[in-house]
């Protein structure tokens, strides 16, 4: 299986926006925040979703966490739940709120009690909602029990995902062959893919790295670029919000991930150009409009 590349020109005009569209036409995202432990992560992901172009973003969270978000920004809707931490008993209340939204996002700042993610995924499937899982939330269910779900993981979370799906570490080919570290890494990725592609089904998986890898049941796509500083805490939350936003605006999971990764990497490059290796994840929110304009992601038309 050859790993394909992707050009930034491919995302030009990928999102169509009709003139005269009404509120909500560009979709909506609901983020689930389990406690006040990582409020900042949830807030950044939610604001990134808004900055990336969807119309409405809500955060369902315990009351004190939701109030912290309301204090920080007037742009996000919060659904306040009377509890210190979300529990499985809150699933039906969360599902009722989800009915109003296009996409469910679980992962940024989640800190969920056991069982919530699994049951929410079942309710989202029943409601025919699109789903983005990020970080630890990707381990909520095996790939075989997911359908049409977008998963975003770093290398460590990817390894956990392999184990969760009973994909054991695959031995390297004849070690006596003299190959570069890059060649060995590519071959390892291809061998892992041969095992994982049969489980992917309609799901899409992005492994975040200096060179992101997008896995589908048909192919692997490598997305290059970015900055060394992209390891700073919160950048994964920003990407999750962007991808969820693009899904809400009608892109397929593959296109939403591909476009989101390209946008995030270009934003990191711009921030490094301006701020060296000292930028913060929240700085992405400032440059996102510039990047979307530079890459010409949106195409305005008279009629869809």
Protein backbone atom coordinates (compact mmCIF):
# COMPACT_ATOMS: atom_id res chain seq x y z
CA UNK A 1 0.00 0.00 0.00
CA UNK A 2 1.59 3.25 -1.14
CA UNK A 3 1.23 6.30 1.10
CA UNK A 4 -0.24 9.18 -0.90
CA UNK A 5 0.52 12.87 -0.50
CA UNK A 6 -1.89 15.79 -0.59
CA UNK A 7 -1.63 19.28 -2.04
CA UNK A 8 -2.98 22.35 -0.27
CA UNK A 9 -4.51 23.42 -3.58
CA UNK A 10 -6.91 20.47 -3.30
CA UNK A 11 -8.93 22.17 -0.56
CA UNK A 12 -9.54 25.41 -2.49
CA UNK A 13 -13.28 26.11 -2.52
CA UNK A 14 -14.03 22.79 -0.83
CA UNK A 15 -16.78 24.29 1.34
CA UNK A 16 -19.68 25.88 -0.55
CA UNK A 17 -21.56 28.73 1.13
CA UNK A 18 -24.73 29.93 -0.58
CA UNK A 19 -25.74 33.59 -0.58
CA UNK A 20 -28.81 34.26 1.51
CA UNK A 21 -28.35 31.25 3.78
CA UNK A 22 -30.23 31.37 7.08
CA UNK A 23 -28.87 30.89 10.61
CA UNK A 24 -27.81 27.32 11.20
CA UNK A 25 -27.29 26.48 7.52
CA UNK A 26 -23.54 26.08 8.16
CA UNK A 27 -24.17 23.42 10.78
CA UNK A 28 -23.70 23.09 14.51
CA UNK A 29 -21.42 21.24 16.94
CA UNK A 30 -22.10 20.00 20.47
CA UNK A 31 -19.03 19.37 22.64
CA UNK A 32 -19.33 17.25 25.79
CA UNK A 33 -17.26 18.51 28.75
CA UNK A 34 -17.28 16.12 31.70
CA UNK A 35 -15.99 18.34 34.51
CA UNK A 36 -14.15 21.58 35.23
CA UNK A 37 -10.73 19.87 35.12
CA UNK A 38 -9.94 20.82 31.51
CA UNK A 39 -12.32 23.68 30.81
CA UNK A 40 -9.69 25.49 28.72
CA UNK A 41 -9.31 22.55 26.33
CA UNK A 42 -13.05 22.33 25.77
CA UNK A 43 -13.39 26.07 25.32
CA UNK A 44 -10.57 26.24 22.75
CA UNK A 45 -12.02 23.34 20.74
CA UNK A 46 -15.46 24.92 20.76
CA UNK A 47 -14.16 28.34 19.69
CA UNK A 48 -12.03 26.72 16.97
CA UNK A 49 -15.19 25.11 15.59
CA UNK A 50 -16.84 28.54 15.40
CA UNK A 51 -13.76 30.17 13.85
CA UNK A 52 -13.66 27.39 11.23
CA UNK A 53 -17.05 28.45 9.95
CA UNK A 54 -19.94 26.54 11.48
CA UNK A 55 -22.84 28.64 12.76
CA UNK A 56 -23.55 27.34 16.25
CA UNK A 57 -21.41 25.61 18.89
CA UNK A 58 -22.73 24.37 22.20
CA UNK A 59 -20.99 22.92 25.23
CA UNK A 60 -22.81 20.52 27.53
CA UNK A 61 -21.08 20.57 30.92
CA UNK A 62 -21.53 20.60 34.69
CA UNK A 63 -22.97 23.95 35.75
CA UNK A 64 -19.81 25.44 37.27
CA UNK A 65 -17.75 24.51 34.18
CA UNK A 66 -20.40 25.93 31.85
CA UNK A 67 -20.50 29.17 33.84
CA UNK A 68 -16.71 29.48 33.52
CA UNK A 69 -17.10 29.25 29.74
CA UNK A 70 -19.94 31.80 29.73
CA UNK A 71 -17.72 34.18 31.68
CA UNK A 72 -14.84 33.76 29.23
CA UNK A 73 -16.79 34.18 25.99
CA UNK A 74 -20.28 35.23 24.85
CA UNK A 75 -20.01 33.22 21.62
CA UNK A 76 -20.71 29.73 22.95
CA UNK A 77 -24.03 28.25 24.04
CA UNK A 78 -23.85 26.18 27.21
CA UNK A 79 -26.18 23.47 28.44
CA UNK A 80 -25.75 23.40 32.21
CA UNK A 81 -26.10 20.13 34.10
CA UNK A 82 -26.52 20.12 37.89
CA UNK A 83 -23.55 17.98 38.87
CA UNK A 84 -19.85 18.27 39.65
CA UNK A 85 -19.05 15.68 36.99
CA UNK A 86 -21.12 14.13 34.23
CA UNK A 87 -22.31 10.63 35.03
CA UNK A 88 -23.99 7.86 33.04
CA UNK A 89 -27.31 9.01 34.52
CA UNK A 90 -27.00 12.23 32.48
CA UNK A 91 -26.85 10.48 29.09
CA UNK A 92 -30.53 10.95 28.22
CA UNK A 93 -30.36 14.66 29.06
CA UNK A 94 -27.26 14.99 26.88
CA UNK A 95 -28.91 13.04 24.06
CA UNK A 96 -31.94 15.34 24.18
CA UNK A 97 -29.61 18.32 23.77
CA UNK A 98 -27.76 16.56 20.92
CA UNK A 99 -30.96 16.41 18.87
CA UNK A 100 -30.52 20.14 18.15
CA UNK A 101 -27.02 19.74 16.70
CA UNK A 102 -25.36 18.38 13.56
CA UNK A 103 -22.13 16.96 15.02
CA UNK A 104 -21.15 15.46 18.36
CA UNK A 105 -17.58 16.13 19.55
CA UNK A 106 -16.15 14.12 22.46
CA UNK A 107 -12.54 14.33 23.58
CA UNK A 108 -11.29 17.88 24.21
CA UNK A 109 -11.40 18.33 27.97
CA UNK A 110 -13.82 15.40 28.23
CA UNK A 111 -12.87 13.85 31.61
CA UNK A 112 -15.97 11.65 31.42
CA UNK A 113 -17.05 9.09 34.00
CA UNK A 114 -17.00 5.48 32.73
CA UNK A 115 -19.81 4.48 30.41
CA UNK A 116 -20.88 7.93 29.22
CA UNK A 117 -18.98 7.98 25.93
CA UNK A 118 -20.17 4.51 24.96
CA UNK A 119 -23.82 5.30 25.61
CA UNK A 120 -23.61 8.72 23.95
CA UNK A 121 -22.19 7.08 20.84
CA UNK A 122 -25.14 4.70 20.77
CA UNK A 123 -27.58 7.61 21.06
CA UNK A 124 -25.72 9.61 18.40
CA UNK A 125 -25.91 6.63 16.04
CA UNK A 126 -29.63 6.31 16.70
CA UNK A 127 -30.09 10.03 16.00
CA UNK A 128 -27.95 9.76 12.83
CA UNK A 129 -25.51 12.42 14.05
CA UNK A 130 -21.96 12.78 12.81
CA UNK A 131 -19.33 12.10 15.46
CA UNK A 132 -15.75 13.19 16.12
CA UNK A 133 -13.77 11.38 18.81
CA UNK A 134 -10.49 12.84 20.00
CA UNK A 135 -7.79 11.65 22.40
CA UNK A 136 -8.94 9.19 25.10
CA UNK A 137 -12.50 9.14 23.76
CA UNK A 138 -11.25 7.15 20.75
CA UNK A 139 -10.96 4.11 23.02
CA UNK A 140 -14.65 4.20 23.97
CA UNK A 141 -15.54 1.47 21.47
CA UNK A 142 -13.72 -0.86 19.11
CA UNK A 143 -13.62 0.14 15.45
CA UNK A 144 -15.93 -2.73 14.58
CA UNK A 145 -18.60 -1.13 16.80
CA UNK A 146 -18.31 2.32 15.22
CA UNK A 147 -19.83 3.49 11.96
CA UNK A 148 -18.96 6.68 10.08
CA UNK A 149 -16.97 8.03 13.02
CA UNK A 150 -13.97 10.36 12.77
CA UNK A 151 -11.13 9.52 15.16
CA UNK A 152 -8.17 11.79 15.96
CA UNK A 153 -5.23 10.34 17.88
CA UNK A 154 -1.59 11.03 18.68
CA UNK A 155 1.02 8.27 18.48
CA UNK A 156 0.43 7.04 22.03
CA UNK A 157 -3.36 7.00 21.55
CA UNK A 158 -2.87 5.23 18.22
CA UNK A 159 -0.93 2.46 19.96
CA UNK A 160 -3.72 2.17 22.54
CA UNK A 161 -6.25 1.97 19.71
CA UNK A 162 -4.31 -0.87 18.08
CA UNK A 163 -4.30 -2.83 21.35
CA UNK A 164 -7.98 -2.06 21.96
CA UNK A 165 -8.73 -3.61 18.58
CA UNK A 166 -6.49 -6.65 19.22
CA UNK A 167 -3.88 -5.55 16.68
CA UNK A 168 -0.58 -6.66 18.19
CA UNK A 169 2.77 -5.04 17.51
CA UNK A 170 3.95 -6.25 14.13
CA UNK A 171 7.55 -7.41 13.83
CA UNK A 172 9.83 -5.71 11.37
CA UNK A 173 11.00 -7.46 8.27
CA UNK A 174 14.49 -8.97 8.06
CA UNK A 175 16.55 -6.62 10.30
CA UNK A 176 19.71 -7.50 8.36
CA UNK A 177 18.50 -5.38 5.47
CA UNK A 178 20.14 -1.98 5.59
CA UNK A 179 17.32 0.54 5.59
CA UNK A 180 16.98 4.07 6.88
CA UNK A 181 14.88 4.83 9.94
CA UNK A 182 12.38 6.58 7.64
CA UNK A 183 12.08 3.48 5.43
CA UNK A 184 11.55 1.24 8.44
CA UNK A 185 8.92 3.60 9.86
CA UNK A 186 7.04 3.73 6.55
CA UNK A 187 7.08 -0.06 6.26
CA UNK A 188 5.84 -0.42 9.83
CA UNK A 189 2.96 1.96 9.13
CA UNK A 190 2.04 0.06 6.00
CA UNK A 191 2.06 -3.28 7.85
CA UNK A 192 -0.13 -1.88 10.62
CA UNK A 193 -2.49 -0.48 8.03
CA UNK A 194 -2.91 -3.88 6.41
CA UNK A 195 -4.24 -5.11 9.76
CA UNK A 196 -6.34 -2.08 10.66
CA UNK A 197 -8.00 -1.37 7.30
CA UNK A 198 -10.28 -4.39 7.62
CA UNK A 199 -11.67 -2.91 10.84
CA UNK A 200 -11.99 0.70 9.71
CA UNK A 201 -15.17 0.23 7.70
CA UNK A 202 -16.72 3.68 7.16
CA UNK A 203 -14.63 5.21 9.95
CA UNK A 204 -11.76 7.63 9.33
CA UNK A 205 -8.63 7.77 11.49
CA UNK A 206 -6.04 10.55 11.71
CA UNK A 207 -2.77 9.92 13.52
CA UNK A 208 -1.36 13.31 14.49
CA UNK A 209 2.41 13.58 14.06
CA UNK A 210 5.01 15.85 12.41
CA UNK A 211 3.60 14.24 9.25
CA UNK A 212 -0.05 13.41 9.90
CA UNK A 213 -1.35 10.12 8.54
CA UNK A 214 -4.98 9.82 7.42
CA UNK A 215 -6.22 6.22 7.33
CA UNK A 216 -9.31 5.10 5.40
CA UNK A 217 -10.33 1.64 4.27
CA UNK A 218 -8.94 2.47 0.82
CA UNK A 219 -5.70 4.34 1.45
CA UNK A 220 -3.23 6.21 3.65
CA UNK A 221 -2.71 9.93 3.05
CA UNK A 222 0.30 11.81 4.43
CA UNK A 223 -0.21 15.48 5.35
CA UNK A 224 3.04 17.39 5.72
CA UNK A 225 3.95 20.79 7.13
CA UNK A 226 3.37 22.45 10.47
CA UNK A 227 5.73 23.49 13.25
CA UNK A 228 7.81 21.87 15.97
CA UNK A 229 5.78 23.98 18.40
CA UNK A 230 2.61 22.07 17.44
CA UNK A 231 3.35 19.81 20.43
CA UNK A 232 2.20 22.56 22.80
CA UNK A 233 -0.82 21.58 24.92
CA UNK A 234 -4.14 22.35 23.27
CA UNK A 235 -3.24 22.08 19.59
CA UNK A 236 -5.03 18.75 19.32
CA UNK A 237 -8.14 20.35 20.83
CA UNK A 238 -7.97 23.10 18.21
CA UNK A 239 -7.74 20.53 15.41
CA UNK A 240 -10.67 18.56 16.81
CA UNK A 241 -12.82 21.68 16.79
CA UNK A 242 -11.83 22.52 13.22
CA UNK A 243 -12.57 19.02 11.95
CA UNK A 244 -15.94 18.93 13.74
CA UNK A 245 -16.79 22.30 12.19
CA UNK A 246 -15.98 21.13 8.68
CA UNK A 247 -18.10 18.03 9.21
CA UNK A 248 -20.97 20.22 10.38
CA UNK A 249 -20.62 22.29 7.21
CA UNK A 250 -21.20 19.23 5.06
CA UNK A 251 -17.79 17.82 4.21
CA UNK A 252 -17.29 14.07 4.20
CA UNK A 253 -15.21 12.69 7.11
CA UNK A 254 -12.22 12.22 4.80
CA UNK A 255 -12.43 15.76 3.42
CA UNK A 256 -13.09 17.25 6.86
CA UNK A 257 -9.98 15.60 8.32
CA UNK A 258 -7.79 16.32 5.32
CA UNK A 259 -8.86 19.98 5.17
CA UNK A 260 -8.67 20.40 8.94
CA UNK A 261 -5.15 18.99 9.13
CA UNK A 262 -3.93 21.19 6.29
CA UNK A 263 -5.48 24.31 7.86
CA UNK A 264 -4.02 23.53 11.29
CA UNK A 265 -0.55 22.88 9.89
CA UNK A 266 -0.56 26.09 7.88
CA UNK A 267 -1.74 28.01 10.95
CA UNK A 268 1.16 26.56 12.95
CA UNK A 269 3.58 27.65 10.22
CA UNK A 270 2.21 31.20 10.25
CA UNK A 271 2.42 31.38 14.04
CA UNK A 272 6.04 30.16 14.01
CA UNK A 273 6.89 32.79 11.39
CA UNK A 274 5.46 35.50 13.65
CA UNK A 275 6.21 34.21 17.15
CA UNK A 276 9.05 31.69 16.75
CA UNK A 277 8.55 28.61 18.95
CA UNK A 278 6.68 30.40 21.72
CA UNK A 279 3.11 30.51 20.40
CA UNK A 280 0.22 29.01 22.35
CA UNK A 281 -2.68 26.86 21.22
CA UNK A 282 -5.06 29.77 21.80
CA UNK A 283 -3.08 31.79 19.23
CA UNK A 284 -4.52 29.51 16.53
CA UNK A 285 -7.88 31.19 17.10
CA UNK A 286 -6.37 34.52 16.05
CA UNK A 287 -4.85 33.36 12.75
CA UNK A 288 -7.53 30.87 11.65
CA UNK A 289 -9.50 33.49 9.67
CA UNK A 290 -6.32 34.50 7.81
CA UNK A 291 -5.50 30.88 6.98
CA UNK A 292 -9.01 30.09 5.74
CA UNK A 293 -8.81 33.16 3.51
CA UNK A 294 -5.28 32.38 2.29
CA UNK A 295 -6.19 28.78 1.39
CA UNK A 296 -9.55 29.90 -0.08
CA UNK A 297 -11.40 27.13 1.73
CA UNK A 298 -14.80 28.76 1.26
CA UNK A 299 -16.57 29.28 -2.06
CA UNK A 300 -19.60 31.55 -2.09
CA UNK A 301 -22.29 30.68 -4.66
CA UNK A 302 -25.73 31.98 -5.52
CA UNK A 303 -27.33 28.56 -5.24
CA UNK A 304 -26.20 25.23 -3.80
